[in-house]
Amino acid sequence: MDSNKPHFVSSAFKKDEEYIHWLQKVKEQYRSSQAKAAMRVNDAMTSSIGSSVMTLWI
């Protein structure tokens, strides 16, 4: 099989409960990481804007 071509899991693949649970955990961790990253960006932007405003007032 050419490693550059996509391959697909056959339709005979069965999702067992362990796989479903694992996939849910992966999705939760991904969403959590996205939220944490967004909060860090917002904190940095707020700090930067706050510094700019304080400079204007001084």
PDB file of N, CA and C in Angstrom:
ATOM      1  N   MET A   1       0.849  -1.194   0.000  1.00  0.00           N
ATOM      2  CA  MET A   1       0.000   0.000   0.000  1.00  0.00           C
ATOM      3  C   MET A   1       0.884   1.243   0.000  1.00  0.00           C
ATOM      4  N   ASP A   2       0.561   2.204  -0.841  1.00  0.00           N
ATOM      5  CA  ASP A   2       1.301   3.459  -0.908  1.00  0.00           C
ATOM      6  C   ASP A   2       1.019   4.247   0.363  1.00  0.00           C
ATOM      7  N   SER A   3       2.071   4.618   1.094  1.00  0.00           N
ATOM      8  CA  SER A   3       1.889   5.305   2.375  1.00  0.00           C
ATOM      9  C   SER A   3       1.377   6.737   2.215  1.00  0.00           C
ATOM     10  N   ASN A   4       1.449   7.293   1.013  1.00  0.00           N
ATOM     11  CA  ASN A   4       0.970   8.655   0.792  1.00  0.00           C
ATOM     12  C   ASN A   4      -0.522   8.722   0.491  1.00  0.00           C
ATOM     13  N   LYS A   5      -1.113   7.583   0.187  1.00  0.00           N
ATOM     14  CA  LYS A   5      -2.538   7.559  -0.116  1.00  0.00           C
ATOM     15  C   LYS A   5      -3.325   7.291   1.164  1.00  0.00           C
ATOM     16  N   PRO A   6      -4.466   7.950   1.325  1.00  0.00           N
ATOM     17  CA  PRO A   6      -5.262   7.689   2.533  1.00  0.00           C
ATOM     18  C   PRO A   6      -5.829   6.279   2.498  1.00  0.00           C
ATOM     19  N   HIS A   7      -5.973   5.708   3.662  1.00  0.00           N
ATOM     20  CA  HIS A   7      -6.628   4.406   3.745  1.00  0.00           C
ATOM     21  C   HIS A   7      -7.759   4.513   4.760  1.00  0.00           C
ATOM     22  N   PHE A   8      -8.741   3.711   4.610  1.00  0.00           N
ATOM     23  CA  PHE A   8      -9.933   3.795   5.440  1.00  0.00           C
ATOM     24  C   PHE A   8     -10.147   2.491   6.185  1.00  0.00           C
ATOM     25  N   VAL A   9     -10.712   2.615   7.355  1.00  0.00           N
ATOM     26  CA  VAL A   9     -11.052   1.436   8.138  1.00  0.00           C
ATOM     27  C   VAL A   9     -12.279   0.810   7.489  1.00  0.00           C
ATOM     28  N   SER A  10     -12.290  -0.487   7.410  1.00  0.00           N
ATOM     29  CA  SER A  10     -13.410  -1.159   6.752  1.00  0.00           C
ATOM     30  C   SER A  10     -14.712  -0.914   7.513  1.00  0.00           C
ATOM     31  N   SER A  11     -15.797  -1.085   6.834  1.00  0.00           N
ATOM     32  CA  SER A  11     -17.101  -0.880   7.463  1.00  0.00           C
ATOM     33  C   SER A  11     -17.394  -1.951   8.500  1.00  0.00           C
ATOM     34  N   ALA A  12     -16.583  -3.003   8.528  1.00  0.00           N
ATOM     35  CA  ALA A  12     -16.761  -4.064   9.520  1.00  0.00           C
ATOM     36  C   ALA A  12     -16.243  -3.641  10.890  1.00  0.00           C
ATOM     37  N   PHE A  13     -15.564  -2.489  10.945  1.00  0.00           N
ATOM     38  CA  PHE A  13     -15.029  -1.987  12.217  1.00  0.00           C
ATOM     39  C   PHE A  13     -16.180  -1.696  13.165  1.00  0.00           C
ATOM     40  N   LYS A  14     -16.111  -2.252  14.361  1.00  0.00           N
ATOM     41  CA  LYS A  14     -17.169  -2.048  15.347  1.00  0.00           C
ATOM     42  C   LYS A  14     -16.651  -1.161  16.459  1.00  0.00           C
ATOM     43  N   LYS A  15     -17.441  -0.175  16.819  1.00  0.00           N
ATOM     44  CA  LYS A  15     -17.078   0.709  17.909  1.00  0.00           C
ATOM     45  C   LYS A  15     -17.528   0.070  19.215  1.00  0.00           C
ATOM     46  N   ASP A  16     -16.585  -0.399  19.984  1.00  0.00           N
ATOM     47  CA  ASP A  16     -16.965  -0.957  21.267  1.00  0.00           C
ATOM     48  C   ASP A  16     -17.020   0.157  22.319  1.00  0.00           C
ATOM     49  N   GLU A  17     -17.504  -0.157  23.481  1.00  0.00           N
ATOM     50  CA  GLU A  17     -17.685   0.838  24.539  1.00  0.00           C
ATOM     51  C   GLU A  17     -16.365   1.470  24.969  1.00  0.00           C
ATOM     52  N   GLU A  18     -15.310   0.683  24.995  1.00  0.00           N
ATOM     53  CA  GLU A  18     -14.001   1.208  25.399  1.00  0.00           C
ATOM     54  C   GLU A  18     -13.522   2.266  24.413  1.00  0.00           C
ATOM     55  N   TYR A  19     -13.685   1.993  23.117  1.00  0.00           N
ATOM     56  CA  TYR A  19     -13.285   2.954  22.086  1.00  0.00           C
ATOM     57  C   TYR A  19     -14.121   4.224  22.185  1.00  0.00           C
ATOM     58  N   ILE A  20     -15.412   4.094  22.355  1.00  0.00           N
ATOM     59  CA  ILE A  20     -16.297   5.251  22.453  1.00  0.00           C
ATOM     60  C   ILE A  20     -15.901   6.106  23.655  1.00  0.00           C
ATOM     61  N   HIS A  21     -15.628   5.465  24.787  1.00  0.00           N
ATOM     62  CA  HIS A  21     -15.216   6.189  25.991  1.00  0.00           C
ATOM     63  C   HIS A  21     -13.889   6.910  25.746  1.00  0.00           C
ATOM     64  N   TRP A  22     -12.932   6.222  25.119  1.00  0.00           N
ATOM     65  CA  TRP A  22     -11.634   6.819  24.823  1.00  0.00           C
ATOM     66  C   TRP A  22     -11.794   8.027  23.905  1.00  0.00           C
ATOM     67  N   LEU A  23     -12.618   7.894  22.878  1.00  0.00           N
ATOM     68  CA  LEU A  23     -12.822   8.989  21.937  1.00  0.00           C
ATOM     69  C   LEU A  23     -13.470  10.192  22.624  1.00  0.00           C
ATOM     70  N   GLN A  24     -14.411   9.951  23.514  1.00  0.00           N
ATOM     71  CA  GLN A  24     -15.036  11.039  24.258  1.00  0.00           C
ATOM     72  C   GLN A  24     -14.008  11.773  25.114  1.00  0.00           C
ATOM     73  N   LYS A  25     -13.105  11.027  25.755  1.00  0.00           N
ATOM     74  CA  LYS A  25     -12.066  11.646  26.581  1.00  0.00           C
ATOM     75  C   LYS A  25     -11.131  12.498  25.727  1.00  0.00           C
ATOM     76  N   VAL A  26     -10.774  11.992  24.551  1.00  0.00           N
ATOM     77  CA  VAL A  26      -9.895  12.754  23.654  1.00  0.00           C
ATOM     78  C   VAL A  26     -10.572  14.059  23.245  1.00  0.00           C
ATOM     79  N   LYS A  27     -11.842  13.993  22.911  1.00  0.00           N
ATOM     80  CA  LYS A  27     -12.591  15.191  22.525  1.00  0.00           C
ATOM     81  C   LYS A  27     -12.669  16.190  23.673  1.00  0.00           C
ATOM     82  N   GLU A  28     -12.915  15.699  24.885  1.00  0.00           N
ATOM     83  CA  GLU A  28     -12.975  16.580  26.060  1.00  0.00           C
ATOM     84  C   GLU A  28     -11.638  17.271  26.297  1.00  0.00           C
ATOM     85  N   GLN A  29     -10.547  16.519  26.196  1.00  0.00           N
ATOM     86  CA  GLN A  29      -9.222  17.090  26.398  1.00  0.00           C
ATOM     87  C   GLN A  29      -8.906  18.132  25.330  1.00  0.00           C
ATOM     88  N   TYR A  30      -9.309  17.872  24.104  1.00  0.00           N
ATOM     89  CA  TYR A  30      -9.082  18.820  23.008  1.00  0.00           C
ATOM     90  C   TYR A  30      -9.838  20.118  23.264  1.00  0.00           C
ATOM     91  N   ARG A  31     -11.108  19.993  23.621  1.00  0.00           N
ATOM     92  CA  ARG A  31     -11.916  21.194  23.895  1.00  0.00           C
ATOM     93  C   ARG A  31     -11.366  21.963  25.089  1.00  0.00           C
ATOM     94  N   SER A  32     -10.944  21.249  26.109  1.00  0.00           N
ATOM     95  CA  SER A  32     -10.373  21.887  27.287  1.00  0.00           C
ATOM     96  C   SER A  32      -9.101  22.649  26.926  1.00  0.00           C
ATOM     97  N   SER A  33      -8.269  22.046  26.114  1.00  0.00           N
ATOM     98  CA  SER A  33      -7.034  22.707  25.674  1.00  0.00           C
ATOM     99  C   SER A  33      -7.339  23.949  24.857  1.00  0.00           C
ATOM    100  N   GLN A  34      -8.352  23.869  24.008  1.00  0.00           N
ATOM    101  CA  GLN A  34      -8.743  25.045  23.217  1.00  0.00           C
ATOM    102  C   GLN A  34      -9.211  26.171  24.130  1.00  0.00           C
ATOM    103  N   ALA A  35     -10.012  25.848  25.122  1.00  0.00           N
ATOM    104  CA  ALA A  35     -10.528  26.863  26.042  1.00  0.00           C
ATOM    105  C   ALA A  35      -9.392  27.493  26.840  1.00  0.00           C
ATOM    106  N   LYS A  36      -8.457  26.690  27.319  1.00  0.00           N
ATOM    107  CA  LYS A  36      -7.315  27.218  28.072  1.00  0.00           C
ATOM    108  C   LYS A  36      -6.473  28.141  27.208  1.00  0.00           C
ATOM    109  N   ALA A  37      -6.253  27.745  25.962  1.00  0.00           N
ATOM    110  CA  ALA A  37      -5.462  28.584  25.052  1.00  0.00           C
ATOM    111  C   ALA A  37      -6.170  29.906  24.790  1.00  0.00           C
ATOM    112  N   ALA A  38      -7.474  29.868  24.592  1.00  0.00           N
ATOM    113  CA  ALA A  38      -8.240  31.097  24.354  1.00  0.00           C
ATOM    114  C   ALA A  38      -8.172  32.019  25.569  1.00  0.00           C
ATOM    115  N   MET A  39      -8.249  31.447  26.770  1.00  0.00           N
ATOM    116  CA  MET A  39      -8.174  32.275  27.978  1.00  0.00           C
ATOM    117  C   MET A  39      -6.796  32.916  28.120  1.00  0.00           C
ATOM    118  N   ARG A  40      -5.748  32.180  27.783  1.00  0.00           N
ATOM    119  CA  ARG A  40      -4.399  32.752  27.865  1.00  0.00           C
ATOM    120  C   ARG A  40      -4.219  33.895  26.872  1.00  0.00           C
ATOM    121  N   VAL A  41      -4.755  33.721  25.680  1.00  0.00           N
ATOM    122  CA  VAL A  41      -4.676  34.789  24.677  1.00  0.00           C
ATOM    123  C   VAL A  41      -5.452  36.009  25.163  1.00  0.00           C
ATOM    124  N   ASN A  42      -6.650  35.796  25.692  1.00  0.00           N
ATOM    125  CA  ASN A  42      -7.450  36.906  26.200  1.00  0.00           C
ATOM    126  C   ASN A  42      -6.748  37.619  27.340  1.00  0.00           C
ATOM    127  N   ASP A  43      -6.122  36.873  28.253  1.00  0.00           N
ATOM    128  CA  ASP A  43      -5.375  37.485  29.353  1.00  0.00           C
ATOM    129  C   ASP A  43      -4.243  38.355  28.826  1.00  0.00           C
ATOM    130  N   ALA A  44      -3.512  37.837  27.839  1.00  0.00           N
ATOM    131  CA  ALA A  44      -2.397  38.585  27.270  1.00  0.00           C
ATOM    132  C   ALA A  44      -2.890  39.856  26.582  1.00  0.00           C
ATOM    133  N   MET A  45      -3.978  39.741  25.839  1.00  0.00           N
ATOM    134  CA  MET A  45      -4.521  40.918  25.147  1.00  0.00           C
ATOM    135  C   MET A  45      -5.034  41.949  26.151  1.00  0.00           C
ATOM    136  N   THR A  46      -5.715  41.494  27.191  1.00  0.00           N
ATOM    137  CA  THR A  46      -6.235  42.404  28.213  1.00  0.00           C
ATOM    138  C   THR A  46      -5.092  43.114  28.910  1.00  0.00           C
ATOM    139  N   SER A  47      -4.042  42.395  29.220  1.00  0.00           N
ATOM    140  CA  SER A  47      -2.882  42.988  29.877  1.00  0.00           C
ATOM    141  C   SER A  47      -2.231  44.027  28.979  1.00  0.00           C
ATOM    142  N   SER A  48      -2.100  43.696  27.705  1.00  0.00           N
ATOM    143  CA  SER A  48      -1.493  44.620  26.753  1.00  0.00           C
ATOM    144  C   SER A  48      -2.333  45.890  26.599  1.00  0.00           C
ATOM    145  N   ILE A  49      -3.631  45.712  26.473  1.00  0.00           N
ATOM    146  CA  ILE A  49      -4.532  46.870  26.327  1.00  0.00           C
ATOM    147  C   ILE A  49      -4.515  47.698  27.610  1.00  0.00           C
ATOM    148  N   GLY A  50      -4.527  47.018  28.758  1.00  0.00           N
ATOM    149  CA  GLY A  50      -4.483  47.720  30.041  1.00  0.00           C
ATOM    150  C   GLY A  50      -3.222  48.548  30.184  1.00  0.00           C
ATOM    151  N   SER A  51      -2.097  47.998  29.757  1.00  0.00           N
ATOM    152  CA  SER A  51      -0.831  48.738  29.819  1.00  0.00           C
ATOM    153  C   SER A  51      -0.877  49.966  28.921  1.00  0.00           C
ATOM    154  N   SER A  52      -1.480  49.814  27.751  1.00  0.00           N
ATOM    155  CA  SER A  52      -1.583  50.945  26.819  1.00  0.00           C
ATOM    156  C   SER A  52      -2.462  52.045  27.394  1.00  0.00           C
ATOM    157  N   VAL A  53      -3.567  51.666  28.016  1.00  0.00           N
ATOM    158  CA  VAL A  53      -4.466  52.649  28.610  1.00  0.00           C
ATOM    159  C   VAL A  53      -3.774  53.373  29.766  1.00  0.00           C
ATOM    160  N   MET A  54      -3.061  52.635  30.594  1.00  0.00           N
ATOM    161  CA  MET A  54      -2.371  53.263  31.726  1.00  0.00           C
ATOM    162  C   MET A  54      -1.293  54.224  31.243  1.00  0.00           C
ATOM    163  N   THR A  55      -0.612  53.888  30.146  1.00  0.00           N
ATOM    164  CA  THR A  55       0.400  54.778  29.585  1.00  0.00           C
ATOM    165  C   THR A  55      -0.227  56.082  29.119  1.00  0.00           C
ATOM    166  N   LEU A  56      -1.426  56.012  28.553  1.00  0.00           N
ATOM    167  CA  LEU A  56      -2.104  57.223  28.082  1.00  0.00           C
ATOM    168  C   LEU A  56      -2.520  58.105  29.242  1.00  0.00           C
ATOM    169  N   TRP A  57      -2.870  57.529  30.363  1.00  0.00           N
ATOM    170  CA  TRP A  57      -3.341  58.300  31.514  1.00  0.00           C
ATOM    171  C   TRP A  57      -2.206  58.957  32.294  1.00  0.00           C
ATOM    172  N   ILE A  58      -1.000  58.416  32.131  1.00  0.00           N
ATOM    173  CA  ILE A  58       0.122  58.943  32.913  1.00  0.00           C
ATOM    174  C   ILE A  58       0.729  60.132  32.244  1.00  0.00           C
TER     175      ILE A  58
END
